Structure formats: C-alpha cells, structure tokens
Amino acid sequence: MTLIALLLVIAAAFCHATWNFYVKRIGGGPELVWLISFLSNVIYLPWVIYIFWAQMPDIGIHEILFVIGSSILHTVYFTLLQRGYRHGDLSLVYPLARSTGPVISVIFAVLFLDEDLTIRNIIGGGIIIFGIFFLTGGFKKRAKNVSVSILYGLTVGFFIGSYTAWDAYVVSVLMVSPVLLDYASNTFRSILLAPVAYRRKDAVIAHWNDHRLGVMLIGFLSPLAYILFLFAITFTPVTLLAPVRETSVLISVLMGSILLGEGHLKHRLIWSTVVVCGVGILATA
C-alpha cells in the first residue's frame, strides 16, 4: 500500500469517527439524517458544479444505473442498521456488522474486480477484523435476541461489503468521480426522507437551533470521509483498503471512552493495539 493511500484512509477514518461522535452527542432519528444529507448537498454543490464545468465528465446510462444502484445499496444498509439497533442487541449487531463488512468487501473484490489476495492481506485483514470485533464488544453473555441480532449483524455486514465493492467498481472502472457518487447518494436520501422530515419539522428546527455547529460539521465531514476513501480506491485494491477503513471504529470507541466517559479504556486500548498491528501489516503490503 502506498503512503498516499494509507494517509487518505486514515484521514477518512478520523473524519468518520468525528462526525459519528457528533451524531452520538446530538441524537435524533431520520429527520437528522435528512438534515445532514440536505446540508451536505448544499456544502458540496460548488465542488460538483466545478467538476461538471472543468472536467465535463462523460456520464451515460450505464454510469447512471450504477450510481442509482449505489444509492439503493447505501439506503438499504442504513434502513437495516436502524432496524437492527431497534430489534436486536447493539452489542452483537454492531461488532458483527463492522467485522463482516470487510470480509464481504474482500470476497467481492476478488470475485468481481479481479484483485489478488495474498497471505499478507489475509493475515493483516484478519487481525484487524478480529480486533474490531472484540474492540466493539464481541459476544456478550447477556445479549438478548441472539439469533435476531446475529441475522441483522451479518446482513448489515453483507451490505457494507456490497456497497464498498460496488462503489469501487463505479469509481475505479467506470471512472465516476467519488464526489459525484457520494453527492448522488446524499440526494437520493434527501428525497427519500423528505416526507419524514416534513412530518418532524419541529425536530429538524430544534436540531438546527440547538446543534447548528455540530450539524454543519457532520454535513461536511460525513461526505468527506467517504470521498477520501473512494479516492484511495481508485488506485489501491479493496483487499487492502476495506480492513484499514475500519480504523474509524477504533477511533470512535476511543473517543467514546475519553471524551464521553464511556469507560472500558483499558480493554479498548488492548484491542486497539491489535487493530494497529493489523494495519501495520497491510500498510507494508
């Protein structure tokens, strides 16, 4: 992995962890997602206009269909994740989803993107996935609805892997700009959630009035995190990047322990060290 690719993914991880930190502080539901998506479209509109003006991208029906497919995959992922949190146990759904997502990404990359899988990739990626699983809780003895939680966790992980490999094809093979791809996904969510936001307009106004800075940071950092990752995908195999991307989870849980007082710092530092070791293996691949 090149140094530029590693720096892009690490920067993306910090952006991802930061906007998740603010989401957790603000709370909220679908109306917050709509507000963030809408603000993201406003913030990144000048960049999108510049791309069309300066680069004049050649986008045909084939590219449009794949961009729409990406938007659908991201929307299904979000919907399943929310349902999994409501009907399953967070301590199972979250670690299973975040640890199986990279596995699915790597499998799809090998099968459909003709990427090679080396022993170093397997060892480094496996260490990261193993560390992430136990960093985020692992199997809890008191977990409720175990079968439902496992089903949701694996399904959400499948869609994480699916949209990662799908988007890799869109930006690296079809050569669609990562900015345009992410912008289309935000637009899709804005339109889909507009009726919900209208019904909960009081909550939308409250989020804006009470957490304006946080909401604007999320609107800026959320797309940026994925755009940086997609730029790295354009010249680096998914088999290397997908596991390293999960360092965002490492940063998030450490921020939770240190900044939000969630505790378990010793446990999280131990498993964070394991994850960093896996990243080091992949970084030298």
C-alpha atoms as a PDB file:
ATOM      1  CA  MET A   1       0.000   0.000   0.000  1.00  0.00           C
ATOM      2  CA  THR A   2       1.341   3.430  -0.918  1.00  0.00           C
ATOM      3  CA  LEU A   3       1.805   6.106   1.721  1.00  0.00           C
ATOM      4  CA  ILE A   4      -0.744   8.345  -0.030  1.00  0.00           C
ATOM      5  CA  ALA A   5      -3.402   5.626   0.087  1.00  0.00           C
ATOM      6  CA  LEU A   6      -2.716   4.948   3.761  1.00  0.00           C
ATOM      7  CA  LEU A   7      -2.908   8.651   4.639  1.00  0.00           C
ATOM      8  CA  LEU A   8      -6.166   9.048   2.710  1.00  0.00           C
ATOM      9  CA  VAL A   9      -7.798   6.149   4.551  1.00  0.00           C
ATOM     10  CA  ILE A  10      -6.521   7.272   7.963  1.00  0.00           C
ATOM     11  CA  ALA A  11      -7.771  10.813   7.274  1.00  0.00           C
ATOM     12  CA  ALA A  12     -11.108   9.325   6.216  1.00  0.00           C
ATOM     13  CA  ALA A  13     -11.205   7.317   9.443  1.00  0.00           C
ATOM     14  CA  PHE A  14     -10.688  10.444  11.563  1.00  0.00           C
ATOM     15  CA  CYS A  15     -13.427  12.280   9.630  1.00  0.00           C
ATOM     16  CA  HIS A  16     -15.758   9.305  10.041  1.00  0.00           C
ATOM     17  CA  ALA A  17     -15.086   8.985  13.766  1.00  0.00           C
ATOM     18  CA  THR A  18     -15.540  12.730  14.315  1.00  0.00           C
ATOM     19  CA  TRP A  19     -18.919  13.004  12.599  1.00  0.00           C
ATOM     20  CA  ASN A  20     -20.125   9.869  14.393  1.00  0.00           C
ATOM     21  CA  PHE A  21     -19.048  11.451  17.680  1.00  0.00           C
ATOM     22  CA  TYR A  22     -21.237  14.481  16.975  1.00  0.00           C
ATOM     23  CA  VAL A  23     -24.156  12.315  15.848  1.00  0.00           C
ATOM     24  CA  LYS A  24     -23.997  10.475  19.142  1.00  0.00           C
ATOM     25  CA  ARG A  25     -23.961  13.747  21.087  1.00  0.00           C
ATOM     26  CA  ILE A  26     -26.890  15.208  19.148  1.00  0.00           C
ATOM     27  CA  GLY A  27     -29.118  12.135  18.967  1.00  0.00           C
ATOM     28  CA  GLY A  28     -32.088  12.218  16.626  1.00  0.00           C
ATOM     29  CA  GLY A  29     -33.585   9.945  14.012  1.00  0.00           C
ATOM     30  CA  PRO A  30     -34.404  10.020  10.287  1.00  0.00           C
ATOM     31  CA  GLU A  31     -35.103  13.751  10.443  1.00  0.00           C
ATOM     32  CA  LEU A  32     -31.460  14.323  11.467  1.00  0.00           C
ATOM     33  CA  VAL A  33     -30.279  12.130   8.593  1.00  0.00           C
ATOM     34  CA  TRP A  34     -32.357  14.236   6.189  1.00  0.00           C
ATOM     35  CA  LEU A  35     -30.962  17.477   7.618  1.00  0.00           C
ATOM     36  CA  ILE A  36     -27.387  16.222   7.335  1.00  0.00           C
ATOM     37  CA  SER A  37     -27.938  14.952   3.765  1.00  0.00           C
ATOM     38  CA  PHE A  38     -29.549  18.245   2.737  1.00  0.00           C
ATOM     39  CA  LEU A  39     -26.735  20.313   4.262  1.00  0.00           C
ATOM     40  CA  SER A  40     -24.128  18.066   2.621  1.00  0.00           C
ATOM     41  CA  ASN A  41     -25.693  18.761  -0.759  1.00  0.00           C
ATOM     42  CA  VAL A  42     -25.588  22.499  -0.104  1.00  0.00           C
ATOM     43  CA  ILE A  43     -21.968  22.416   1.131  1.00  0.00           C
ATOM     44  CA  TYR A  44     -20.629  20.274  -1.725  1.00  0.00           C
ATOM     45  CA  LEU A  45     -22.678  21.846  -4.538  1.00  0.00           C
ATOM     46  CA  PRO A  46     -19.829  24.228  -5.581  1.00  0.00           C
ATOM     47  CA  TRP A  47     -17.444  21.251  -5.909  1.00  0.00           C
ATOM     48  CA  VAL A  48     -19.999  19.363  -8.014  1.00  0.00           C
ATOM     49  CA  ILE A  49     -20.530  22.396 -10.268  1.00  0.00           C
ATOM     50  CA  TYR A  50     -16.757  22.766 -10.671  1.00  0.00           C
ATOM     51  CA  ILE A  51     -16.395  19.102 -11.705  1.00  0.00           C
ATOM     52  CA  PHE A  52     -19.055  19.447 -14.405  1.00  0.00           C
ATOM     53  CA  TRP A  53     -17.590  22.761 -15.593  1.00  0.00           C
ATOM     54  CA  ALA A  54     -13.884  21.866 -15.539  1.00  0.00           C
ATOM     55  CA  GLN A  55     -13.868  18.136 -16.233  1.00  0.00           C
ATOM     56  CA  MET A  56     -17.082  17.666 -18.238  1.00  0.00           C
ATOM     57  CA  PRO A  57     -17.461  14.040 -17.083  1.00  0.00           C
ATOM     58  CA  ASP A  58     -18.763  11.567 -19.641  1.00  0.00           C
ATOM     59  CA  ILE A  59     -21.726  10.042 -17.807  1.00  0.00           C
ATOM     60  CA  GLY A  60     -24.037   7.761 -19.770  1.00  0.00           C
ATOM     61  CA  ILE A  61     -26.920   5.445 -18.960  1.00  0.00           C
ATOM     62  CA  HIS A  62     -24.563   2.705 -17.771  1.00  0.00           C
ATOM     63  CA  GLU A  63     -22.890   5.000 -15.247  1.00  0.00           C
ATOM     64  CA  ILE A  64     -26.225   6.460 -14.108  1.00  0.00           C
ATOM     65  CA  LEU A  65     -27.658   2.990 -13.449  1.00  0.00           C
ATOM     66  CA  PHE A  66     -24.655   2.017 -11.334  1.00  0.00           C
ATOM     67  CA  VAL A  67     -24.815   5.290  -9.391  1.00  0.00           C
ATOM     68  CA  ILE A  68     -28.509   4.654  -8.680  1.00  0.00           C
ATOM     69  CA  GLY A  69     -27.622   1.113  -7.607  1.00  0.00           C
ATOM     70  CA  SER A  70     -25.058   2.520  -5.186  1.00  0.00           C
ATOM     71  CA  SER A  71     -27.643   4.882  -3.697  1.00  0.00           C
ATOM     72  CA  ILE A  72     -30.064   1.995  -3.209  1.00  0.00           C
ATOM     73  CA  LEU A  73     -27.428  -0.179  -1.515  1.00  0.00           C
ATOM     74  CA  HIS A  74     -26.500   2.632   0.883  1.00  0.00           C
ATOM     75  CA  THR A  75     -30.170   3.268   1.692  1.00  0.00           C
ATOM     76  CA  VAL A  76     -30.884  -0.425   2.355  1.00  0.00           C
ATOM     77  CA  TYR A  77     -27.791  -0.563   4.573  1.00  0.00           C
ATOM     78  CA  PHE A  78     -28.959   2.415   6.616  1.00  0.00           C
ATOM     79  CA  THR A  79     -32.504   1.030   6.952  1.00  0.00           C
ATOM     80  CA  LEU A  80     -31.321  -2.411   8.049  1.00  0.00           C
ATOM     81  CA  LEU A  81     -28.853  -0.905  10.521  1.00  0.00           C
ATOM     82  CA  GLN A  82     -31.589   1.146  12.183  1.00  0.00           C
ATOM     83  CA  ARG A  83     -33.904  -1.878  12.371  1.00  0.00           C
ATOM     84  CA  GLY A  84     -31.086  -3.996  13.723  1.00  0.00           C
ATOM     85  CA  TYR A  85     -30.497  -1.498  16.529  1.00  0.00           C
ATOM     86  CA  ARG A  86     -34.229  -1.453  17.344  1.00  0.00           C
ATOM     87  CA  HIS A  87     -34.936  -5.200  17.249  1.00  0.00           C
ATOM     88  CA  GLY A  88     -31.535  -6.684  18.061  1.00  0.00           C
ATOM     89  CA  ASP A  89     -28.792  -6.200  20.606  1.00  0.00           C
ATOM     90  CA  LEU A  90     -26.341  -3.387  19.825  1.00  0.00           C
ATOM     91  CA  SER A  91     -23.505  -5.375  21.416  1.00  0.00           C
ATOM     92  CA  LEU A  92     -23.944  -8.057  18.743  1.00  0.00           C
ATOM     93  CA  VAL A  93     -25.275  -6.169  15.716  1.00  0.00           C
ATOM     94  CA  TYR A  94     -22.530  -3.531  15.671  1.00  0.00           C
ATOM     95  CA  PRO A  95     -19.419  -5.719  16.062  1.00  0.00           C
ATOM     96  CA  LEU A  96     -20.749  -8.344  13.639  1.00  0.00           C
ATOM     97  CA  ALA A  97     -21.612  -5.728  11.023  1.00  0.00           C
ATOM     98  CA  ARG A  98     -18.293  -3.882  11.255  1.00  0.00           C
ATOM     99  CA  SER A  99     -16.199  -7.059  11.251  1.00  0.00           C
ATOM    100  CA  THR A 100     -18.017  -8.969   8.487  1.00  0.00           C
ATOM    101  CA  GLY A 101     -18.272  -5.932   6.178  1.00  0.00           C
ATOM    102  CA  PRO A 102     -14.568  -6.001   5.213  1.00  0.00           C
ATOM    103  CA  VAL A 103     -14.706  -9.777   4.688  1.00  0.00           C
ATOM    104  CA  ILE A 104     -17.541  -9.403   2.178  1.00  0.00           C
ATOM    105  CA  SER A 105     -15.744  -6.485   0.510  1.00  0.00           C
ATOM    106  CA  VAL A 106     -12.611  -8.553   0.032  1.00  0.00           C
ATOM    107  CA  ILE A 107     -14.550 -11.575  -1.298  1.00  0.00           C
ATOM    108  CA  PHE A 108     -16.419  -9.436  -3.845  1.00  0.00           C
ATOM    109  CA  ALA A 109     -13.212  -7.659  -4.850  1.00  0.00           C
ATOM    110  CA  VAL A 110     -11.516 -10.973  -5.580  1.00  0.00           C
ATOM    111  CA  LEU A 111     -14.531 -12.430  -7.404  1.00  0.00           C
ATOM    112  CA  PHE A 112     -15.700  -9.434  -9.431  1.00  0.00           C
ATOM    113  CA  LEU A 113     -12.825  -6.923  -9.542  1.00  0.00           C
ATOM    114  CA  ASP A 114     -10.068  -9.461 -10.291  1.00  0.00           C
ATOM    115  CA  GLU A 115      -7.996  -8.376  -7.301  1.00  0.00           C
ATOM    116  CA  ASP A 116      -5.328 -10.638  -5.845  1.00  0.00           C
ATOM    117  CA  LEU A 117      -5.421 -11.923  -2.289  1.00  0.00           C
ATOM    118  CA  THR A 118      -2.025 -12.537  -0.684  1.00  0.00           C
ATOM    119  CA  ILE A 119      -1.085 -14.200   2.579  1.00  0.00           C
ATOM    120  CA  ARG A 120      -0.113 -10.779   3.974  1.00  0.00           C
ATOM    121  CA  ASN A 121      -3.561  -9.422   3.046  1.00  0.00           C
ATOM    122  CA  ILE A 122      -5.272 -12.341   4.777  1.00  0.00           C
ATOM    123  CA  ILE A 123      -3.172 -12.052   7.947  1.00  0.00           C
ATOM    124  CA  GLY A 124      -3.357  -8.254   8.218  1.00  0.00           C
ATOM    125  CA  GLY A 125      -7.043  -8.056   7.369  1.00  0.00           C
ATOM    126  CA  GLY A 126      -7.858 -10.962   9.659  1.00  0.00           C
ATOM    127  CA  ILE A 127      -6.082  -9.321  12.611  1.00  0.00           C
ATOM    128  CA  ILE A 128      -7.977  -6.044  12.020  1.00  0.00           C
ATOM    129  CA  ILE A 129     -11.353  -7.784  11.765  1.00  0.00           C
ATOM    130  CA  PHE A 130     -10.630  -9.901  14.847  1.00  0.00           C
ATOM    131  CA  GLY A 131      -9.558  -6.825  16.809  1.00  0.00           C
ATOM    132  CA  ILE A 132     -12.541  -4.729  15.701  1.00  0.00           C
ATOM    133  CA  PHE A 133     -14.975  -7.460  16.718  1.00  0.00           C
ATOM    134  CA  PHE A 134     -13.693  -7.638  20.295  1.00  0.00           C
ATOM    135  CA  LEU A 135     -12.956  -3.901  20.470  1.00  0.00           C
ATOM    136  CA  THR A 136     -16.673  -3.234  19.930  1.00  0.00           C
ATOM    137  CA  GLY A 137     -17.853  -5.817  22.443  1.00  0.00           C
ATOM    138  CA  GLY A 138     -17.629  -9.252  20.873  1.00  0.00           C
ATOM    139  CA  PHE A 139     -20.161 -11.816  22.040  1.00  0.00           C
ATOM    140  CA  LYS A 140     -21.883 -10.642  25.195  1.00  0.00           C
ATOM    141  CA  LYS A 141     -23.154 -13.307  27.560  1.00  0.00           C
ATOM    142  CA  ARG A 142     -26.233 -11.271  28.396  1.00  0.00           C
ATOM    143  CA  ALA A 143     -27.115 -10.358  24.848  1.00  0.00           C
ATOM    144  CA  LYS A 144     -30.828 -10.647  24.121  1.00  0.00           C
ATOM    145  CA  ASN A 145     -32.431 -11.826  20.882  1.00  0.00           C
ATOM    146  CA  VAL A 146     -29.183 -13.524  19.909  1.00  0.00           C
ATOM    147  CA  SER A 147     -30.440 -15.133  16.687  1.00  0.00           C
ATOM    148  CA  VAL A 148     -32.134 -11.905  15.518  1.00  0.00           C
ATOM    149  CA  SER A 149     -29.056  -9.853  16.416  1.00  0.00           C
ATOM    150  CA  ILE A 150     -26.730 -12.209  14.541  1.00  0.00           C
ATOM    151  CA  LEU A 151     -29.027 -12.170  11.489  1.00  0.00           C
ATOM    152  CA  TYR A 152     -29.131  -8.375  11.402  1.00  0.00           C
ATOM    153  CA  GLY A 153     -25.402  -8.065  12.087  1.00  0.00           C
ATOM    154  CA  LEU A 154     -24.463 -10.414   9.248  1.00  0.00           C
ATOM    155  CA  THR A 155     -26.978  -8.847   6.858  1.00  0.00           C
ATOM    156  CA  VAL A 156     -25.779  -5.316   7.575  1.00  0.00           C
ATOM    157  CA  GLY A 157     -22.188  -6.520   7.154  1.00  0.00           C
ATOM    158  CA  PHE A 158     -23.160  -8.032   3.789  1.00  0.00           C
ATOM    159  CA  PHE A 159     -24.474  -4.676   2.589  1.00  0.00           C
ATOM    160  CA  ILE A 160     -21.379  -2.843   3.889  1.00  0.00           C
ATOM    161  CA  GLY A 161     -19.266  -5.200   1.818  1.00  0.00           C
ATOM    162  CA  SER A 162     -21.637  -4.917  -1.148  1.00  0.00           C
ATOM    163  CA  TYR A 163     -21.673  -1.143  -1.407  1.00  0.00           C
ATOM    164  CA  THR A 164     -17.898  -0.984  -0.843  1.00  0.00           C
ATOM    165  CA  ALA A 165     -17.150  -3.344  -3.738  1.00  0.00           C
ATOM    166  CA  TRP A 166     -19.905  -1.817  -5.898  1.00  0.00           C
ATOM    167  CA  ASP A 167     -18.595   1.710  -5.370  1.00  0.00           C
ATOM    168  CA  ALA A 168     -15.055   0.540  -6.051  1.00  0.00           C
ATOM    169  CA  TYR A 169     -16.223  -0.592  -9.494  1.00  0.00           C
ATOM    170  CA  VAL A 170     -18.024   2.707 -10.096  1.00  0.00           C
ATOM    171  CA  VAL A 171     -15.030   4.934  -9.282  1.00  0.00           C
ATOM    172  CA  SER A 172     -12.140   2.743 -10.496  1.00  0.00           C
ATOM    173  CA  VAL A 173     -13.626   1.078 -13.583  1.00  0.00           C
ATOM    174  CA  LEU A 174     -16.439   3.380 -14.710  1.00  0.00           C
ATOM    175  CA  MET A 175     -14.312   6.379 -13.609  1.00  0.00           C
ATOM    176  CA  VAL A 176     -17.197   8.236 -11.972  1.00  0.00           C
ATOM    177  CA  SER A 177     -15.945  10.984  -9.669  1.00  0.00           C
ATOM    178  CA  PRO A 178     -16.110   9.996  -5.975  1.00  0.00           C
ATOM    179  CA  VAL A 179     -17.589  13.426  -5.275  1.00  0.00           C
ATOM    180  CA  LEU A 180     -20.423  12.890  -7.766  1.00  0.00           C
ATOM    181  CA  LEU A 181     -21.088   9.372  -6.493  1.00  0.00           C
ATOM    182  CA  ASP A 182     -21.406  10.474  -2.886  1.00  0.00           C
ATOM    183  CA  TYR A 183     -23.424  13.550  -3.879  1.00  0.00           C
ATOM    184  CA  ALA A 184     -25.916  11.363  -5.738  1.00  0.00           C
ATOM    185  CA  SER A 185     -26.305   9.142  -2.681  1.00  0.00           C
ATOM    186  CA  ASN A 186     -26.988  12.155  -0.446  1.00  0.00           C
ATOM    187  CA  THR A 187     -29.502  13.484  -2.956  1.00  0.00           C
ATOM    188  CA  PHE A 188     -31.281  10.118  -3.008  1.00  0.00           C
ATOM    189  CA  ARG A 189     -31.550  10.094   0.796  1.00  0.00           C
ATOM    190  CA  SER A 190     -32.703  13.717   0.879  1.00  0.00           C
ATOM    191  CA  ILE A 191     -35.572  12.968  -1.485  1.00  0.00           C
ATOM    192  CA  LEU A 192     -36.483   9.682   0.204  1.00  0.00           C
ATOM    193  CA  LEU A 193     -36.560  11.159   3.707  1.00  0.00           C
ATOM    194  CA  ALA A 194     -38.175  14.482   2.792  1.00  0.00           C
ATOM    195  CA  PRO A 195     -41.701  13.347   3.846  1.00  0.00           C
ATOM    196  CA  VAL A 196     -40.346  12.189   7.226  1.00  0.00           C
ATOM    197  CA  ALA A 197     -38.510  15.470   7.717  1.00  0.00           C
ATOM    198  CA  TYR A 198     -41.696  17.397   6.904  1.00  0.00           C
ATOM    199  CA  ARG A 199     -43.713  15.450   9.470  1.00  0.00           C
ATOM    200  CA  ARG A 200     -40.973  16.050  12.055  1.00  0.00           C
ATOM    201  CA  LYS A 201     -40.156  19.625  11.046  1.00  0.00           C
ATOM    202  CA  ASP A 202     -40.219  20.760  14.679  1.00  0.00           C
ATOM    203  CA  ALA A 203     -37.420  18.294  15.464  1.00  0.00           C
ATOM    204  CA  VAL A 204     -35.489  19.429  12.376  1.00  0.00           C
ATOM    205  CA  ILE A 205     -35.719  23.059  13.509  1.00  0.00           C
ATOM    206  CA  ALA A 206     -34.702  22.070  17.046  1.00  0.00           C
ATOM    207  CA  HIS A 207     -31.609  20.216  15.778  1.00  0.00           C
ATOM    208  CA  TRP A 208     -30.607  23.271  13.743  1.00  0.00           C
ATOM    209  CA  ASN A 209     -31.204  25.755  16.546  1.00  0.00           C
ATOM    210  CA  ASP A 210     -29.584  23.702  19.325  1.00  0.00           C
ATOM    211  CA  HIS A 211     -26.726  21.981  17.473  1.00  0.00           C
ATOM    212  CA  ARG A 212     -26.009  24.163  14.452  1.00  0.00           C
ATOM    213  CA  LEU A 213     -22.215  23.826  14.551  1.00  0.00           C
ATOM    214  CA  GLY A 214     -22.331  20.075  15.143  1.00  0.00           C
ATOM    215  CA  VAL A 215     -24.849  19.512  12.342  1.00  0.00           C
ATOM    216  CA  MET A 216     -22.761  21.557   9.913  1.00  0.00           C
ATOM    217  CA  LEU A 217     -19.607  19.632  10.860  1.00  0.00           C
ATOM    218  CA  ILE A 218     -21.421  16.349  10.244  1.00  0.00           C
ATOM    219  CA  GLY A 219     -22.720  17.643   6.916  1.00  0.00           C
ATOM    220  CA  PHE A 220     -19.138  18.465   5.891  1.00  0.00           C
ATOM    221  CA  LEU A 221     -17.221  15.528   7.382  1.00  0.00           C
ATOM    222  CA  SER A 222     -19.636  12.696   6.562  1.00  0.00           C
ATOM    223  CA  PRO A 223     -19.263  13.012   2.755  1.00  0.00           C
ATOM    224  CA  LEU A 224     -15.573  13.886   3.064  1.00  0.00           C
ATOM    225  CA  ALA A 225     -14.846  10.667   4.948  1.00  0.00           C
ATOM    226  CA  TYR A 226     -16.282   8.515   2.169  1.00  0.00           C
ATOM    227  CA  ILE A 227     -14.925  10.675  -0.669  1.00  0.00           C
ATOM    228  CA  LEU A 228     -11.362  10.306   0.677  1.00  0.00           C
ATOM    229  CA  PHE A 229     -11.842   6.540   0.905  1.00  0.00           C
ATOM    230  CA  LEU A 230     -13.208   6.397  -2.650  1.00  0.00           C
ATOM    231  CA  PHE A 231     -10.268   8.411  -3.973  1.00  0.00           C
ATOM    232  CA  ALA A 232      -7.922   5.852  -2.386  1.00  0.00           C
ATOM    233  CA  ILE A 233      -9.875   3.039  -4.053  1.00  0.00           C
ATOM    234  CA  THR A 234      -9.176   4.496  -7.493  1.00  0.00           C
ATOM    235  CA  PHE A 235      -5.527   3.409  -7.236  1.00  0.00           C
ATOM    236  CA  THR A 236      -5.407   0.874  -4.376  1.00  0.00           C
ATOM    237  CA  PRO A 237      -7.034  -2.585  -4.121  1.00  0.00           C
ATOM    238  CA  VAL A 238     -10.136  -3.005  -1.972  1.00  0.00           C
ATOM    239  CA  THR A 239      -8.494  -6.056  -0.390  1.00  0.00           C
ATOM    240  CA  LEU A 240      -6.047  -3.672   1.311  1.00  0.00           C
ATOM    241  CA  LEU A 241      -8.299  -0.690   1.993  1.00  0.00           C
ATOM    242  CA  ALA A 242     -11.512  -2.295   3.286  1.00  0.00           C
ATOM    243  CA  PRO A 243      -9.980  -3.647   6.524  1.00  0.00           C
ATOM    244  CA  VAL A 244      -7.919  -0.480   7.156  1.00  0.00           C
ATOM    245  CA  ARG A 245     -11.069   1.615   6.786  1.00  0.00           C
ATOM    246  CA  GLU A 246     -12.368   0.020   9.984  1.00  0.00           C
ATOM    247  CA  THR A 247      -9.812   2.028  11.972  1.00  0.00           C
ATOM    248  CA  SER A 248     -12.622   4.603  12.112  1.00  0.00           C
ATOM    249  CA  VAL A 249     -14.321   2.274  14.602  1.00  0.00           C
ATOM    250  CA  LEU A 250     -11.131   2.195  16.672  1.00  0.00           C
ATOM    251  CA  ILE A 251     -11.014   5.994  16.805  1.00  0.00           C
ATOM    252  CA  SER A 252     -14.753   6.204  17.578  1.00  0.00           C
ATOM    253  CA  VAL A 253     -14.672   3.878  20.576  1.00  0.00           C
ATOM    254  CA  LEU A 254     -11.573   5.568  21.985  1.00  0.00           C
ATOM    255  CA  MET A 255     -13.271   8.951  21.633  1.00  0.00           C
ATOM    256  CA  GLY A 256     -16.258   7.472  23.453  1.00  0.00           C
ATOM    257  CA  SER A 257     -14.080   6.328  26.340  1.00  0.00           C
ATOM    258  CA  ILE A 258     -12.036   9.501  26.649  1.00  0.00           C
ATOM    259  CA  LEU A 259     -14.453  12.285  25.645  1.00  0.00           C
ATOM    260  CA  LEU A 260     -17.840  10.815  26.558  1.00  0.00           C
ATOM    261  CA  GLY A 261     -16.748   8.943  29.688  1.00  0.00           C
ATOM    262  CA  GLU A 262     -17.995   5.550  28.471  1.00  0.00           C
ATOM    263  CA  GLY A 263     -15.234   3.732  30.361  1.00  0.00           C
ATOM    264  CA  HIS A 264     -13.577   0.395  29.413  1.00  0.00           C
ATOM    265  CA  LEU A 265     -10.462   2.312  28.361  1.00  0.00           C
ATOM    266  CA  LYS A 266      -8.003  -0.476  29.270  1.00  0.00           C
ATOM    267  CA  HIS A 267      -9.987  -3.091  27.325  1.00  0.00           C
ATOM    268  CA  ARG A 268     -10.268  -0.789  24.335  1.00  0.00           C
ATOM    269  CA  LEU A 269      -6.582   0.120  24.348  1.00  0.00           C
ATOM    270  CA  ILE A 270      -5.593  -3.561  24.307  1.00  0.00           C
ATOM    271  CA  TRP A 271      -7.760  -4.388  21.304  1.00  0.00           C
ATOM    272  CA  SER A 272      -6.823  -1.102  19.626  1.00  0.00           C
ATOM    273  CA  THR A 273      -3.205  -2.259  19.736  1.00  0.00           C
ATOM    274  CA  VAL A 274      -4.245  -5.465  17.969  1.00  0.00           C
ATOM    275  CA  VAL A 275      -6.005  -3.468  15.248  1.00  0.00           C
ATOM    276  CA  VAL A 276      -2.991  -1.188  14.777  1.00  0.00           C
ATOM    277  CA  CYS A 277      -0.768  -4.245  14.323  1.00  0.00           C
ATOM    278  CA  GLY A 278      -3.060  -5.452  11.536  1.00  0.00           C
ATOM    279  CA  VAL A 279      -2.951  -2.014   9.903  1.00  0.00           C
ATOM    280  CA  GLY A 280       0.830  -2.089  10.063  1.00  0.00           C
ATOM    281  CA  ILE A 281       0.919  -5.415   8.221  1.00  0.00           C
ATOM    282  CA  LEU A 282      -1.342  -4.139   5.440  1.00  0.00           C
ATOM    283  CA  ALA A 283       0.464  -0.801   5.232  1.00  0.00           C
ATOM    284  CA  THR A 284       3.685  -2.593   4.304  1.00  0.00           C
ATOM    285  CA  ALA A 285       1.998  -4.890   1.782  1.00  0.00           C
END
